[in-house]
Amino acid sequence: MPYLTSPAIMLRAIDHGDYDKVITFFTLRQGKISVIAKGAKKSIKRFAGILELFSILDLVWRYGQTRGMPILKEASLIHPFEQIRKNITTTAYASYWCELVYIWMEQGQRQPSLYRLLEYVLAQLDAGDMPEQVLHITFQLRFMAISGFRPGLDYCSICRKPVDRFGRSFASFDLRRGGILCEKCTPKKEQLPSLSIGTIKLLRWALNVPLKKLNRIRFSVRTIEESLAVVEPFVAYHLGKETKSLKFLKQLDSRLQH
């Protein structure tokens, strides 16, 4: 079988027998793949020090004659993102983003726009150039949009009234409909999270701006709080569950606030 190559982001690694590891990567050219790294547990020479979570590598792998799990033949480090792994909070954010990709993506499903998004937020997180919570919000927003569940922030999800014509300074957000509701269409007996019109405009900007301009975004404390109250439940609703890494991240945030 021919050799395959691609840049890749390391998502997960588990032990396989006494000497090997099964590693899942999100590759630029082949999507999500799982490979066997022979001798990765014991050998001090083979893949020494480069098979680390969140790092970006150039991979070379191939399938065996039986078409079982492919075997990792070579790996060279492109970006280690080692600063992420030195801090429990940045590690928690990166773990959540990678877990979303791991759970959502099917094996072999090519998705270059999502690869570039994950690469970008990991680089920003490693460099410390953007506030962690802003990266967290924008990654989830754009992740959902790429996955086909773009949140509706332009008009009421029921009557289609444009947000610029809403009669109040905020809008309710309906997780089931995946978008905002005007005052007339908001259920009276149902407690829905709300977003100020200013926050809605910022989230729309974060969804549409080119990646290279994302670092210009500025969120106030109120905008961050409103956004997190909507975006995290929105992702969990469409995923069908709250991930373990998000639960840990919430616990971590709670401890840091006290």
Protein backbone atom coordinates (compact mmCIF):
# COMPACT_ATOMS: atom_id res chain seq x y z
CA MET A 1 0.00 0.00 0.00
CA PRO A 2 1.21 3.57 -0.69
CA TYR A 3 2.36 5.89 2.05
CA LEU A 4 0.04 8.76 3.05
CA THR A 5 1.22 12.11 4.37
CA SER A 6 -0.41 15.13 5.97
CA PRO A 7 0.00 17.81 8.63
CA ALA A 8 -2.00 16.71 11.67
CA ILE A 9 -3.15 17.83 15.13
CA MET A 10 -2.87 15.19 17.85
CA LEU A 11 -6.25 14.69 19.56
CA ARG A 12 -5.93 11.57 21.72
CA ALA A 13 -3.58 8.70 22.63
CA ILE A 14 -4.28 5.40 24.41
CA ASP A 15 -2.00 2.51 25.28
CA HIS A 16 -2.15 -0.57 23.06
CA GLY A 17 -0.43 -3.61 24.51
CA ASP A 18 2.95 -3.38 26.19
CA TYR A 19 4.78 -1.28 23.64
CA ASP A 20 2.41 0.53 21.29
CA LYS A 21 -0.06 3.40 21.33
CA VAL A 22 -3.20 4.05 19.31
CA ILE A 23 -3.18 7.74 18.44
CA THR A 24 -5.98 9.77 16.88
CA PHE A 25 -5.04 12.73 14.74
CA PHE A 26 -7.06 15.36 12.93
CA THR A 27 -5.26 15.64 9.60
CA LEU A 28 -5.53 18.39 7.03
CA ARG A 29 -5.78 16.03 4.05
CA GLN A 30 -7.54 12.94 5.41
CA GLY A 31 -9.69 14.21 8.30
CA LYS A 32 -9.73 12.23 11.54
CA ILE A 33 -7.59 9.09 11.54
CA SER A 34 -6.45 6.62 14.19
CA VAL A 35 -3.05 4.94 13.75
CA ILE A 36 -0.86 2.52 15.66
CA ALA A 37 2.47 3.97 16.78
CA LYS A 38 4.69 0.90 17.15
CA GLY A 39 7.05 1.05 20.11
CA ALA A 40 5.81 4.50 21.18
CA LYS A 41 5.43 3.44 24.85
CA LYS A 42 8.87 1.93 25.42
CA SER A 43 11.34 3.14 22.84
CA ILE A 44 13.38 6.23 23.71
CA LYS A 45 14.30 6.73 20.06
CA ARG A 46 11.07 6.12 18.13
CA PHE A 47 8.88 9.27 18.09
CA ALA A 48 10.85 10.51 21.12
CA GLY A 49 9.20 13.51 22.75
CA ILE A 50 6.99 14.56 19.84
CA LEU A 51 3.75 12.62 20.33
CA GLU A 52 2.14 15.18 22.63
CA LEU A 53 -1.49 16.26 22.77
CA PHE A 54 -2.41 19.39 20.77
CA SER A 55 0.90 19.44 18.88
CA ILE A 56 1.00 19.72 15.09
CA LEU A 57 3.11 17.19 13.23
CA ASP A 58 3.89 16.07 9.72
CA LEU A 59 2.78 12.43 9.55
CA VAL A 60 3.66 9.53 7.28
CA TRP A 61 1.49 6.42 7.63
CA ARG A 62 0.37 3.43 5.64
CA TYR A 63 -2.14 0.60 5.77
CA GLY A 64 -1.02 -2.98 6.17
CA GLN A 65 -1.87 -5.76 3.76
CA THR A 66 -4.97 -6.71 5.78
CA ARG A 67 -6.41 -3.17 5.69
CA GLY A 68 -6.53 -3.03 9.48
CA MET A 69 -5.60 0.05 11.47
CA PRO A 70 -2.90 2.06 9.67
CA ILE A 71 0.64 2.18 11.05
CA LEU A 72 2.44 5.43 11.82
CA LYS A 73 5.81 5.27 10.05
CA GLU A 74 7.25 8.75 10.61
CA ALA A 75 6.36 11.94 12.46
CA SER A 76 8.14 15.28 12.57
CA LEU A 77 7.20 18.18 14.79
CA ILE A 78 5.84 21.39 13.25
CA HIS A 79 4.38 23.24 16.28
CA PRO A 80 4.73 21.79 19.79
CA PHE A 81 2.37 24.27 21.51
CA GLU A 82 4.19 23.37 24.73
CA GLN A 83 2.97 26.48 26.58
CA ILE A 84 -0.57 25.10 26.50
CA ARG A 85 0.44 21.99 28.44
CA LYS A 86 2.23 24.01 31.14
CA ASN A 87 -1.02 25.48 32.49
CA ILE A 88 -4.05 23.55 33.72
CA THR A 89 -6.52 26.15 32.40
CA THR A 90 -5.13 26.33 28.87
CA THR A 91 -4.85 22.54 28.85
CA ALA A 92 -8.54 22.33 29.80
CA TYR A 93 -9.59 24.65 26.97
CA ALA A 94 -7.51 22.81 24.38
CA SER A 95 -8.78 19.45 25.65
CA TYR A 96 -12.39 20.55 25.21
CA TRP A 97 -11.86 21.82 21.67
CA CYS A 98 -10.04 18.66 20.67
CA GLU A 99 -12.70 16.48 22.29
CA LEU A 100 -15.39 18.24 20.26
CA VAL A 101 -13.49 17.46 17.06
CA TYR A 102 -12.83 13.88 18.20
CA ILE A 103 -16.50 13.20 18.99
CA TRP A 104 -18.06 15.07 16.08
CA MET A 105 -15.86 14.09 13.16
CA GLU A 106 -16.18 10.72 11.47
CA GLN A 107 -13.09 8.78 10.45
CA GLY A 108 -11.70 9.93 7.12
CA GLN A 109 -14.04 12.92 6.81
CA ARG A 110 -11.94 15.71 5.30
CA GLN A 111 -12.70 19.14 6.76
CA PRO A 112 -9.90 21.64 6.04
CA SER A 113 -11.81 24.68 7.32
CA LEU A 114 -12.26 23.04 10.73
CA TYR A 115 -8.60 21.99 10.74
CA ARG A 116 -7.53 25.60 10.11
CA LEU A 117 -9.86 26.83 12.86
CA LEU A 118 -8.48 24.40 15.44
CA GLU A 119 -4.92 25.19 14.36
CA TYR A 120 -5.60 28.92 14.76
CA VAL A 121 -7.14 28.78 18.25
CA LEU A 122 -4.42 26.45 19.54
CA ALA A 123 -1.74 28.82 18.22
CA GLN A 124 -3.45 31.83 19.83
CA LEU A 125 -3.91 29.95 23.11
CA ASP A 126 -0.25 28.91 23.14
CA ALA A 127 0.94 32.45 22.41
CA GLY A 128 -1.45 34.09 24.87
CA ASP A 129 -2.40 36.71 22.26
CA MET A 130 -6.17 36.47 22.85
CA PRO A 131 -8.22 36.09 26.06
CA GLU A 132 -8.92 32.41 26.67
CA GLN A 133 -12.68 32.85 27.07
CA VAL A 134 -12.94 34.82 23.83
CA LEU A 135 -11.11 32.04 21.99
CA HIS A 136 -13.41 29.54 23.68
CA ILE A 137 -16.55 31.34 22.52
CA THR A 138 -15.40 31.98 18.96
CA PHE A 139 -14.14 28.42 18.46
CA GLN A 140 -17.48 26.95 19.50
CA LEU A 141 -19.45 29.37 17.33
CA ARG A 142 -17.42 28.68 14.23
CA PHE A 143 -17.19 24.96 14.97
CA MET A 144 -20.99 24.74 15.00
CA ALA A 145 -21.28 26.83 11.83
CA ILE A 146 -18.81 24.58 9.98
CA SER A 147 -20.69 21.52 11.26
CA GLY A 148 -23.97 22.79 9.77
CA PHE A 149 -25.53 24.25 12.92
CA ARG A 150 -24.81 27.95 12.53
CA PRO A 151 -26.69 29.82 15.28
CA GLY A 152 -29.40 32.13 13.97
CA LEU A 153 -28.42 35.64 15.06
CA ASP A 154 -29.75 37.76 12.19
CA TYR A 155 -33.52 37.55 12.70
CA CYS A 156 -36.21 35.95 14.85
CA SER A 157 -36.24 32.20 14.35
CA ILE A 158 -40.07 32.17 14.24
CA CYS A 159 -41.42 35.33 12.59
CA ARG A 160 -38.16 36.24 10.76
CA LYS A 161 -38.13 39.83 12.00
CA PRO A 162 -34.60 41.28 11.57
CA VAL A 163 -32.75 41.80 14.83
CA ASP A 164 -32.31 45.50 14.00
CA ARG A 165 -36.09 45.88 14.27
CA PHE A 166 -36.48 44.21 17.65
CA GLY A 167 -38.35 46.45 20.08
CA ARG A 168 -36.03 45.84 23.03
CA SER A 169 -32.33 45.86 23.76
CA PHE A 170 -31.99 42.08 24.09
CA ALA A 171 -33.26 38.85 22.54
CA SER A 172 -34.02 35.41 23.92
CA PHE A 173 -32.14 32.42 22.54
CA ASP A 174 -33.99 29.16 21.85
CA LEU A 175 -31.66 26.13 21.89
CA ARG A 176 -34.17 23.92 20.06
CA ARG A 177 -34.61 26.37 17.19
CA GLY A 178 -30.96 27.33 17.27
CA GLY A 179 -31.52 31.07 17.16
CA ILE A 180 -32.82 34.26 18.71
CA LEU A 181 -36.46 35.14 19.32
CA CYS A 182 -38.10 38.57 19.31
CA GLU A 183 -40.24 39.77 22.22
CA LYS A 184 -43.50 38.71 20.54
CA CYS A 185 -42.29 35.15 19.83
CA THR A 186 -40.59 34.50 23.19
CA PRO A 187 -42.61 32.01 25.28
CA LYS A 188 -43.98 33.76 28.38
CA LYS A 189 -43.69 30.76 30.69
CA GLU A 190 -40.30 29.51 29.57
CA GLN A 191 -37.01 30.76 30.99
CA LEU A 192 -34.66 31.23 28.05
CA PRO A 193 -31.13 32.68 28.12
CA SER A 194 -30.85 36.12 26.58
CA LEU A 195 -28.32 38.11 24.60
CA SER A 196 -28.05 41.89 24.42
CA ILE A 197 -28.19 43.34 20.92
CA GLY A 198 -24.58 44.46 21.35
CA THR A 199 -23.49 40.91 22.18
CA ILE A 200 -25.42 39.57 19.19
CA LYS A 201 -23.58 41.96 16.88
CA LEU A 202 -20.21 40.89 18.28
CA LEU A 203 -21.04 37.20 17.89
CA ARG A 204 -22.14 37.80 14.29
CA TRP A 205 -18.83 39.55 13.65
CA ALA A 206 -16.91 36.65 15.23
CA LEU A 207 -18.72 34.24 12.93
CA ASN A 208 -18.03 36.12 9.73
CA VAL A 209 -14.63 37.79 10.04
CA PRO A 210 -11.60 36.07 8.44
CA LEU A 211 -9.58 34.00 10.92
CA LYS A 212 -6.56 36.30 10.70
CA LYS A 213 -8.69 39.20 12.01
CA LEU A 214 -10.22 37.37 14.96
CA ASN A 215 -7.58 38.72 17.33
CA ARG A 216 -9.10 42.20 16.89
CA ILE A 217 -12.29 41.23 18.69
CA ARG A 218 -12.91 42.75 22.13
CA PHE A 219 -15.47 41.25 24.52
CA SER A 220 -16.60 42.93 27.72
CA VAL A 221 -17.15 40.89 30.89
CA ARG A 222 -20.90 41.08 30.27
CA THR A 223 -20.53 39.89 26.66
CA ILE A 224 -18.43 36.93 27.79
CA GLU A 225 -20.97 35.94 30.46
CA GLU A 226 -23.93 36.23 28.07
CA SER A 227 -22.13 34.36 25.31
CA LEU A 228 -21.01 31.46 27.50
CA ALA A 229 -24.55 31.05 28.87
CA VAL A 230 -25.77 30.48 25.29
CA VAL A 231 -22.89 28.96 23.33
CA GLU A 232 -21.90 26.10 25.65
CA PRO A 233 -25.49 24.80 26.05
CA PHE A 234 -26.02 25.24 22.29
CA VAL A 235 -23.07 22.96 21.52
CA ALA A 236 -24.09 20.41 24.16
CA TYR A 237 -27.69 20.37 22.88
CA HIS A 238 -26.68 19.50 19.32
CA LEU A 239 -23.95 17.13 20.47
CA GLY A 240 -26.50 15.32 22.63
CA LYS A 241 -24.41 15.56 25.79
CA GLU A 242 -22.00 17.68 27.77
CA THR A 243 -18.43 16.45 27.29
CA LYS A 244 -16.20 15.39 30.17
CA SER A 245 -13.68 18.09 29.31
CA LEU A 246 -16.34 20.83 29.44
CA LYS A 247 -17.50 19.61 32.86
CA PHE A 248 -13.92 19.80 34.09
CA LEU A 249 -13.47 23.25 32.56
CA LYS A 250 -16.59 24.51 34.38
CA GLN A 251 -15.37 23.06 37.66
CA LEU A 252 -12.01 24.72 37.12
CA ASP A 253 -13.60 28.10 36.35
CA SER A 254 -15.78 27.78 39.46
CA ARG A 255 -12.76 27.13 41.70
CA LEU A 256 -10.83 30.04 40.22
CA GLN A 257 -13.70 32.45 40.88
CA HIS A 258 -13.83 31.61 44.60
